[in-house]
């Protein structure tokens, strides 16, 4: 299946300024498999991935806790980096 991941901020910069990454994953892939494939396909993201969270269909998911959550190519997926402000 083909999934589309929206990226922001530094992740976007690391990937040449694109707003979305498309990845081919096996049917029944989980969020943790998506994270692993992102790192393999986009090595520039490897340093960021441990600090990032994923949102699937507008809901944050914990990769380690939801490693069995099955993705669909119809889901809206976003890679969210930590932010700070004041």
PDB file of N, CA and C in Angstrom:
ATOM      1  N   UNK A   1       0.843  -1.172   0.000  1.00  0.00           N
ATOM      2  CA  UNK A   1       0.000   0.000   0.000  1.00  0.00           C
ATOM      3  C   UNK A   1       0.884   1.229   0.000  1.00  0.00           C
ATOM      4  N   UNK A   2       0.368   2.314  -0.516  1.00  0.00           N
ATOM      5  CA  UNK A   2       1.099   3.570  -0.578  1.00  0.00           C
ATOM      6  C   UNK A   2       0.526   4.510   0.474  1.00  0.00           C
ATOM      7  N   UNK A   3       1.377   4.952   1.419  1.00  0.00           N
ATOM      8  CA  UNK A   3       0.933   5.896   2.440  1.00  0.00           C
ATOM      9  C   UNK A   3       1.633   7.230   2.210  1.00  0.00           C
ATOM     10  N   UNK A   4       0.951   8.271   2.625  1.00  0.00           N
ATOM     11  CA  UNK A   4       1.459   9.627   2.467  1.00  0.00           C
ATOM     12  C   UNK A   4       1.597  10.233   3.862  1.00  0.00           C
ATOM     13  N   UNK A   5       2.795  10.733   4.168  1.00  0.00           N
ATOM     14  CA  UNK A   5       3.102  11.282   5.488  1.00  0.00           C
ATOM     15  C   UNK A   5       3.395  12.770   5.337  1.00  0.00           C
ATOM     16  N   UNK A   6       2.640  13.592   6.048  1.00  0.00           N
ATOM     17  CA  UNK A   6       2.893  15.028   6.029  1.00  0.00           C
ATOM     18  C   UNK A   6       4.021  15.325   7.002  1.00  0.00           C
ATOM     19  N   UNK A   7       4.954  16.196   6.572  1.00  0.00           N
ATOM     20  CA  UNK A   7       6.082  16.555   7.429  1.00  0.00           C
ATOM     21  C   UNK A   7       6.160  18.071   7.555  1.00  0.00           C
ATOM     22  N   UNK A   8       6.802  18.518   8.614  1.00  0.00           N
ATOM     23  CA  UNK A   8       6.862  19.936   8.941  1.00  0.00           C
ATOM     24  C   UNK A   8       8.274  20.327   9.366  1.00  0.00           C
ATOM     25  N   UNK A   9       8.501  21.623   9.466  1.00  0.00           N
ATOM     26  CA  UNK A   9       9.675  22.239  10.094  1.00  0.00           C
ATOM     27  C   UNK A   9      10.988  21.619   9.620  1.00  0.00           C
ATOM     28  N   UNK A  10      11.809  21.198  10.575  1.00  0.00           N
ATOM     29  CA  UNK A  10      13.135  20.695  10.258  1.00  0.00           C
ATOM     30  C   UNK A  10      13.077  19.419   9.421  1.00  0.00           C
ATOM     31  N   UNK A  11      12.105  18.562   9.660  1.00  0.00           N
ATOM     32  CA  UNK A  11      11.957  17.351   8.848  1.00  0.00           C
ATOM     33  C   UNK A  11      11.739  17.727   7.391  1.00  0.00           C
ATOM     34  N   UNK A  12      10.940  18.750   7.179  1.00  0.00           N
ATOM     35  CA  UNK A  12      10.683  19.234   5.823  1.00  0.00           C
ATOM     36  C   UNK A  12      11.977  19.744   5.187  1.00  0.00           C
ATOM     37  N   UNK A  13      12.749  20.491   5.945  1.00  0.00           N
ATOM     38  CA  UNK A  13      14.037  20.990   5.445  1.00  0.00           C
ATOM     39  C   UNK A  13      14.982  19.846   5.102  1.00  0.00           C
ATOM     40  N   UNK A  14      15.033  18.835   5.980  1.00  0.00           N
ATOM     41  CA  UNK A  14      15.919  17.689   5.766  1.00  0.00           C
ATOM     42  C   UNK A  14      15.545  16.882   4.531  1.00  0.00           C
ATOM     43  N   UNK A  15      14.317  17.024   4.071  1.00  0.00           N
ATOM     44  CA  UNK A  15      13.835  16.252   2.911  1.00  0.00           C
ATOM     45  C   UNK A  15      13.661  17.122   1.670  1.00  0.00           C
ATOM     46  N   UNK A  16      14.387  18.205   1.612  1.00  0.00           N
ATOM     47  CA  UNK A  16      14.390  19.027   0.414  1.00  0.00           C
ATOM     48  C   UNK A  16      13.225  19.971   0.257  1.00  0.00           C
ATOM     49  N   UNK A  17      12.513  20.260   1.346  1.00  0.00           N
ATOM     50  CA  UNK A  17      11.430  21.232   1.301  1.00  0.00           C
ATOM     51  C   UNK A  17      10.077  20.687   0.892  1.00  0.00           C
ATOM     52  N   UNK A  18       9.974  19.375   0.724  1.00  0.00           N
ATOM     53  CA  UNK A  18       8.672  18.798   0.371  1.00  0.00           C
ATOM     54  C   UNK A  18       7.772  18.730   1.598  1.00  0.00           C
ATOM     55  N   UNK A  19       6.470  18.783   1.390  1.00  0.00           N
ATOM     56  CA  UNK A  19       5.515  18.736   2.497  1.00  0.00           C
ATOM     57  C   UNK A  19       5.017  17.334   2.792  1.00  0.00           C
ATOM     58  N   UNK A  20       5.155  16.426   1.836  1.00  0.00           N
ATOM     59  CA  UNK A  20       4.667  15.057   1.994  1.00  0.00           C
ATOM     60  C   UNK A  20       5.721  14.069   1.511  1.00  0.00           C
ATOM     61  N   UNK A  21       5.790  12.947   2.184  1.00  0.00           N
ATOM     62  CA  UNK A  21       6.616  11.820   1.760  1.00  0.00           C
ATOM     63  C   UNK A  21       5.685  10.659   1.454  1.00  0.00           C
ATOM     64  N   UNK A  22       5.944   9.949   0.386  1.00  0.00           N
ATOM     65  CA  UNK A  22       5.150   8.778   0.057  1.00  0.00           C
ATOM     66  C   UNK A  22       6.012   7.541   0.225  1.00  0.00           C
ATOM     67  N   UNK A  23       5.442   6.551   0.887  1.00  0.00           N
ATOM     68  CA  UNK A  23       6.160   5.313   1.160  1.00  0.00           C
ATOM     69  C   UNK A  23       5.305   4.125   0.765  1.00  0.00           C
ATOM     70  N   UNK A  24       5.940   3.125   0.258  1.00  0.00           N
ATOM     71  CA  UNK A  24       5.254   1.878  -0.043  1.00  0.00           C
ATOM     72  C   UNK A  24       5.483   0.928   1.139  1.00  0.00           C
ATOM     73  N   UNK A  25       4.396   0.498   1.742  1.00  0.00           N
ATOM     74  CA  UNK A  25       4.449  -0.406   2.888  1.00  0.00           C
ATOM     75  C   UNK A  25       3.622  -1.646   2.579  1.00  0.00           C
ATOM     76  N   UNK A  26       3.941  -2.763   3.217  1.00  0.00           N
ATOM     77  CA  UNK A  26       3.112  -3.951   3.011  1.00  0.00           C
ATOM     78  C   UNK A  26       1.728  -3.760   3.634  1.00  0.00           C
ATOM     79  N   UNK A  27       0.741  -4.411   3.071  1.00  0.00           N
ATOM     80  CA  UNK A  27      -0.602  -4.374   3.669  1.00  0.00           C
ATOM     81  C   UNK A  27      -0.501  -4.843   5.109  1.00  0.00           C
ATOM     82  N   UNK A  28      -1.224  -4.176   5.990  1.00  0.00           N
ATOM     83  CA  UNK A  28      -1.207  -4.542   7.396  1.00  0.00           C
ATOM     84  C   UNK A  28      -0.030  -3.972   8.166  1.00  0.00           C
ATOM     85  N   UNK A  29       0.693  -3.012   7.579  1.00  0.00           N
ATOM     86  CA  UNK A  29       1.846  -2.416   8.256  1.00  0.00           C
ATOM     87  C   UNK A  29       1.395  -1.611   9.469  1.00  0.00           C
ATOM     88  N   UNK A  30       2.269  -1.549  10.465  1.00  0.00           N
ATOM     89  CA  UNK A  30       1.985  -0.826  11.700  1.00  0.00           C
ATOM     90  C   UNK A  30       2.698   0.525  11.704  1.00  0.00           C
ATOM     91  N   UNK A  31       2.400   1.325  12.722  1.00  0.00           N
ATOM     92  CA  UNK A  31       3.049   2.627  12.881  1.00  0.00           C
ATOM     93  C   UNK A  31       4.552   2.447  13.098  1.00  0.00           C
ATOM     94  N   UNK A  32       4.947   1.440  13.845  1.00  0.00           N
ATOM     95  CA  UNK A  32       6.384   1.224  14.065  1.00  0.00           C
ATOM     96  C   UNK A  32       7.073   0.810  12.763  1.00  0.00           C
ATOM     97  N   UNK A  33       6.402   0.055  11.915  1.00  0.00           N
ATOM     98  CA  UNK A  33       6.975  -0.291  10.612  1.00  0.00           C
ATOM     99  C   UNK A  33       7.106   0.958   9.734  1.00  0.00           C
ATOM    100  N   UNK A  34       6.141   1.859   9.831  1.00  0.00           N
ATOM    101  CA  UNK A  34       6.212   3.119   9.103  1.00  0.00           C
ATOM    102  C   UNK A  34       7.431   3.914   9.556  1.00  0.00           C
ATOM    103  N   UNK A  35       7.635   4.027  10.859  1.00  0.00           N
ATOM    104  CA  UNK A  35       8.790   4.760  11.387  1.00  0.00           C
ATOM    105  C   UNK A  35      10.092   4.141  10.886  1.00  0.00           C
ATOM    106  N   UNK A  36      10.179   2.822  10.920  1.00  0.00           N
ATOM    107  CA  UNK A  36      11.393   2.142  10.461  1.00  0.00           C
ATOM    108  C   UNK A  36      11.636   2.394   8.970  1.00  0.00           C
ATOM    109  N   UNK A  37      10.583   2.357   8.183  1.00  0.00           N
ATOM    110  CA  UNK A  37      10.713   2.590   6.745  1.00  0.00           C
ATOM    111  C   UNK A  37      11.090   4.043   6.447  1.00  0.00           C
ATOM    112  N   UNK A  38      10.552   4.973   7.223  1.00  0.00           N
ATOM    113  CA  UNK A  38      10.942   6.383   7.054  1.00  0.00           C
ATOM    114  C   UNK A  38      12.447   6.552   7.257  1.00  0.00           C
ATOM    115  N   UNK A  39      12.962   5.947   8.307  1.00  0.00           N
ATOM    116  CA  UNK A  39      14.393   6.031   8.582  1.00  0.00           C
ATOM    117  C   UNK A  39      15.236   5.386   7.505  1.00  0.00           C
ATOM    118  N   UNK A  40      14.764   4.271   6.971  1.00  0.00           N
ATOM    119  CA  UNK A  40      15.511   3.573   5.916  1.00  0.00           C
ATOM    120  C   UNK A  40      15.445   4.330   4.589  1.00  0.00           C
ATOM    121  N   UNK A  41      14.294   4.893   4.281  1.00  0.00           N
ATOM    122  CA  UNK A  41      14.109   5.582   3.000  1.00  0.00           C
ATOM    123  C   UNK A  41      14.641   7.009   3.011  1.00  0.00           C
ATOM    124  N   UNK A  42      14.642   7.632   4.183  1.00  0.00           N
ATOM    125  CA  UNK A  42      15.084   9.028   4.320  1.00  0.00           C
ATOM    126  C   UNK A  42      16.084   9.117   5.470  1.00  0.00           C
ATOM    127  N   UNK A  43      17.330   8.700   5.244  1.00  0.00           N
ATOM    128  CA  UNK A  43      18.328   8.685   6.320  1.00  0.00           C
ATOM    129  C   UNK A  43      18.551  10.045   6.976  1.00  0.00           C
ATOM    130  N   UNK A  44      18.228  11.124   6.271  1.00  0.00           N
ATOM    131  CA  UNK A  44      18.387  12.452   6.869  1.00  0.00           C
ATOM    132  C   UNK A  44      17.453  12.640   8.057  1.00  0.00           C
ATOM    133  N   UNK A  45      16.417  11.821   8.160  1.00  0.00           N
ATOM    134  CA  UNK A  45      15.459  11.930   9.271  1.00  0.00           C
ATOM    135  C   UNK A  45      15.847  11.102  10.491  1.00  0.00           C
ATOM    136  N   UNK A  46      16.846  10.252  10.365  1.00  0.00           N
ATOM    137  CA  UNK A  46      17.177   9.320  11.452  1.00  0.00           C
ATOM    138  C   UNK A  46      17.410  10.016  12.791  1.00  0.00           C
ATOM    139  N   UNK A  47      18.080  11.141  12.791  1.00  0.00           N
ATOM    140  CA  UNK A  47      18.366  11.837  14.050  1.00  0.00           C
ATOM    141  C   UNK A  47      17.103  12.427  14.668  1.00  0.00           C
ATOM    142  N   UNK A  48      16.113  12.769  13.850  1.00  0.00           N
ATOM    143  CA  UNK A  48      14.875  13.379  14.351  1.00  0.00           C
ATOM    144  C   UNK A  48      13.841  12.364  14.841  1.00  0.00           C
ATOM    145  N   UNK A  49      13.799  11.210  14.221  1.00  0.00           N
ATOM    146  CA  UNK A  49      12.710  10.269  14.481  1.00  0.00           C
ATOM    147  C   UNK A  49      12.498   9.892  15.947  1.00  0.00           C
ATOM    148  N   UNK A  50      13.551   9.697  16.741  1.00  0.00           N
ATOM    149  CA  UNK A  50      13.310   9.325  18.138  1.00  0.00           C
ATOM    150  C   UNK A  50      12.517  10.366  18.934  1.00  0.00           C
ATOM    151  N   UNK A  51      12.615  11.639  18.550  1.00  0.00           N
ATOM    152  CA  UNK A  51      11.916  12.707  19.282  1.00  0.00           C
ATOM    153  C   UNK A  51      10.545  13.039  18.689  1.00  0.00           C
ATOM    154  N   UNK A  52      10.227  12.464  17.555  1.00  0.00           N
ATOM    155  CA  UNK A  52       8.973  12.806  16.868  1.00  0.00           C
ATOM    156  C   UNK A  52       7.823  11.904  17.295  1.00  0.00           C
ATOM    157  N   UNK A  53       6.628  12.418  17.078  1.00  0.00           N
ATOM    158  CA  UNK A  53       5.402  11.648  17.295  1.00  0.00           C
ATOM    159  C   UNK A  53       4.677  11.530  15.965  1.00  0.00           C
ATOM    160  N   UNK A  54       3.794  10.574  15.896  1.00  0.00           N
ATOM    161  CA  UNK A  54       2.963  10.409  14.713  1.00  0.00           C
ATOM    162  C   UNK A  54       1.527  10.730  15.063  1.00  0.00           C
ATOM    163  N   UNK A  55       0.855  11.339  14.128  1.00  0.00           N
ATOM    164  CA  UNK A  55      -0.593  11.533  14.226  1.00  0.00           C
ATOM    165  C   UNK A  55      -1.210  10.715  13.092  1.00  0.00           C
ATOM    166  N   UNK A  56      -2.192   9.916  13.445  1.00  0.00           N
ATOM    167  CA  UNK A  56      -2.890   9.093  12.462  1.00  0.00           C
ATOM    168  C   UNK A  56      -4.359   9.468  12.532  1.00  0.00           C
ATOM    169  N   UNK A  57      -4.859   9.971  11.418  1.00  0.00           N
ATOM    170  CA  UNK A  57      -6.250  10.429  11.342  1.00  0.00           C
ATOM    171  C   UNK A  57      -6.577  11.383  12.486  1.00  0.00           C
ATOM    172  N   UNK A  58      -5.703  12.377  12.666  1.00  0.00           N
ATOM    173  CA  UNK A  58      -5.866  13.478  13.626  1.00  0.00           C
ATOM    174  C   UNK A  58      -5.764  13.056  15.087  1.00  0.00           C
ATOM    175  N   UNK A  59      -5.160  11.906  15.349  1.00  0.00           N
ATOM    176  CA  UNK A  59      -4.994  11.424  16.722  1.00  0.00           C
ATOM    177  C   UNK A  59      -3.540  11.019  16.934  1.00  0.00           C
ATOM    178  N   UNK A  60      -2.904  11.556  17.999  1.00  0.00           N
ATOM    179  CA  UNK A  60      -1.541  11.153  18.311  1.00  0.00           C
ATOM    180  C   UNK A  60      -1.505   9.682  18.663  1.00  0.00           C
ATOM    181  N   UNK A  61      -0.459   9.009  18.198  1.00  0.00           N
ATOM    182  CA  UNK A  61      -0.258   7.604  18.559  1.00  0.00           C
ATOM    183  C   UNK A  61       1.146   7.443  19.110  1.00  0.00           C
ATOM    184  N   UNK A  62       1.285   6.579  20.069  1.00  0.00           N
ATOM    185  CA  UNK A  62       2.582   6.248  20.633  1.00  0.00           C
ATOM    186  C   UNK A  62       3.101   5.035  19.879  1.00  0.00           C
ATOM    187  N   UNK A  63       4.206   5.205  19.185  1.00  0.00           N
ATOM    188  CA  UNK A  63       4.721   4.146  18.330  1.00  0.00           C
ATOM    189  C   UNK A  63       4.944   2.859  19.111  1.00  0.00           C
ATOM    190  N   UNK A  64       5.591   2.952  20.256  1.00  0.00           N
ATOM    191  CA  UNK A  64       5.901   1.741  21.017  1.00  0.00           C
ATOM    192  C   UNK A  64       4.652   1.090  21.598  1.00  0.00           C
ATOM    193  N   UNK A  65       3.701   1.901  22.052  1.00  0.00           N
ATOM    194  CA  UNK A  65       2.488   1.349  22.654  1.00  0.00           C
ATOM    195  C   UNK A  65       1.501   0.824  21.615  1.00  0.00           C
ATOM    196  N   UNK A  66       1.568   1.378  20.419  1.00  0.00           N
ATOM    197  CA  UNK A  66       0.619   0.988  19.380  1.00  0.00           C
ATOM    198  C   UNK A  66       1.333   0.354  18.201  1.00  0.00           C
ATOM    199  N   UNK A  67       2.329  -0.466  18.515  1.00  0.00           N
ATOM    200  CA  UNK A  67       3.109  -1.077  17.450  1.00  0.00           C
ATOM    201  C   UNK A  67       2.269  -2.036  16.611  1.00  0.00           C
ATOM    202  N   UNK A  68       1.111  -2.409  17.116  1.00  0.00           N
ATOM    203  CA  UNK A  68       0.252  -3.318  16.362  1.00  0.00           C
ATOM    204  C   UNK A  68      -0.857  -2.578  15.620  1.00  0.00           C
ATOM    205  N   UNK A  69      -0.936  -1.259  15.789  1.00  0.00           N
ATOM    206  CA  UNK A  69      -1.971  -0.497  15.092  1.00  0.00           C
ATOM    207  C   UNK A  69      -1.744  -0.595  13.586  1.00  0.00           C
ATOM    208  N   UNK A  70      -2.742  -1.055  12.876  1.00  0.00           N
ATOM    209  CA  UNK A  70      -2.637  -1.283  11.444  1.00  0.00           C
ATOM    210  C   UNK A  70      -2.986  -0.001  10.689  1.00  0.00           C
ATOM    211  N   UNK A  71      -2.155   0.326   9.722  1.00  0.00           N
ATOM    212  CA  UNK A  71      -2.372   1.518   8.913  1.00  0.00           C
ATOM    213  C   UNK A  71      -3.171   1.174   7.655  1.00  0.00           C
ATOM    214  N   UNK A  72      -3.772   2.186   7.109  1.00  0.00           N
ATOM    215  CA  UNK A  72      -4.471   2.088   5.832  1.00  0.00           C
ATOM    216  C   UNK A  72      -3.993   3.228   4.957  1.00  0.00           C
ATOM    217  N   UNK A  73      -3.980   3.025   3.664  1.00  0.00           N
ATOM    218  CA  UNK A  73      -3.532   4.093   2.780  1.00  0.00           C
ATOM    219  C   UNK A  73      -4.497   5.269   2.764  1.00  0.00           C
ATOM    220  N   UNK A  74      -5.660   5.110   3.376  1.00  0.00           N
ATOM    221  CA  UNK A  74      -6.640   6.188   3.428  1.00  0.00           C
ATOM    222  C   UNK A  74      -6.481   7.078   4.660  1.00  0.00           C
ATOM    223  N   UNK A  75      -5.628   6.675   5.595  1.00  0.00           N
ATOM    224  CA  UNK A  75      -5.419   7.466   6.801  1.00  0.00           C
ATOM    225  C   UNK A  75      -4.613   8.720   6.499  1.00  0.00           C
ATOM    226  N   UNK A  76      -4.893   9.787   7.232  1.00  0.00           N
ATOM    227  CA  UNK A  76      -4.053  10.983   7.220  1.00  0.00           C
ATOM    228  C   UNK A  76      -2.964  10.765   8.252  1.00  0.00           C
ATOM    229  N   UNK A  77      -1.709  10.821   7.816  1.00  0.00           N
ATOM    230  CA  UNK A  77      -0.594  10.566   8.707  1.00  0.00           C
ATOM    231  C   UNK A  77       0.330  11.778   8.713  1.00  0.00           C
ATOM    232  N   UNK A  78       0.767  12.175   9.901  1.00  0.00           N
ATOM    233  CA  UNK A  78       1.688  13.312  10.021  1.00  0.00           C
ATOM    234  C   UNK A  78       2.802  12.953  10.983  1.00  0.00           C
ATOM    235  N   UNK A  79       3.998  13.421  10.658  1.00  0.00           N
ATOM    236  CA  UNK A  79       5.154  13.295  11.529  1.00  0.00           C
ATOM    237  C   UNK A  79       5.291  14.629  12.255  1.00  0.00           C
ATOM    238  N   UNK A  80       5.186  14.600  13.584  1.00  0.00           N
ATOM    239  CA  UNK A  80       5.161  15.813  14.383  1.00  0.00           C
ATOM    240  C   UNK A  80       6.425  15.894  15.228  1.00  0.00           C
ATOM    241  N   UNK A  81       7.158  16.975  15.060  1.00  0.00           N
ATOM    242  CA  UNK A  81       8.350  17.210  15.858  1.00  0.00           C
ATOM    243  C   UNK A  81       7.979  17.950  17.144  1.00  0.00           C
ATOM    244  N   UNK A  82       8.805  17.789  18.185  1.00  0.00           N
ATOM    245  CA  UNK A  82       8.559  18.565  19.401  1.00  0.00           C
ATOM    246  C   UNK A  82       8.757  20.058  19.110  1.00  0.00           C
ATOM    247  N   UNK A  83       7.981  20.874  19.783  1.00  0.00           N
ATOM    248  CA  UNK A  83       8.098  22.313  19.616  1.00  0.00           C
ATOM    249  C   UNK A  83       8.220  22.961  20.986  1.00  0.00           C
ATOM    250  N   UNK A  84       8.775  24.152  20.986  1.00  0.00           N
ATOM    251  CA  UNK A  84       8.848  24.908  22.237  1.00  0.00           C
ATOM    252  C   UNK A  84       8.504  26.348  21.912  1.00  0.00           C
ATOM    253  N   UNK A  85       8.147  27.053  22.894  1.00  0.00           N
ATOM    254  CA  UNK A  85       7.804  28.455  22.676  1.00  0.00           C
ATOM    255  C   UNK A  85       7.728  29.168  24.006  1.00  0.00           C
ATOM    256  N   UNK A  86       7.468  30.415  23.913  1.00  0.00           N
ATOM    257  CA  UNK A  86       7.430  31.135  25.172  1.00  0.00           C
ATOM    258  C   UNK A  86       6.591  32.371  25.081  1.00  0.00           C
TER     259      UNK A  86
END
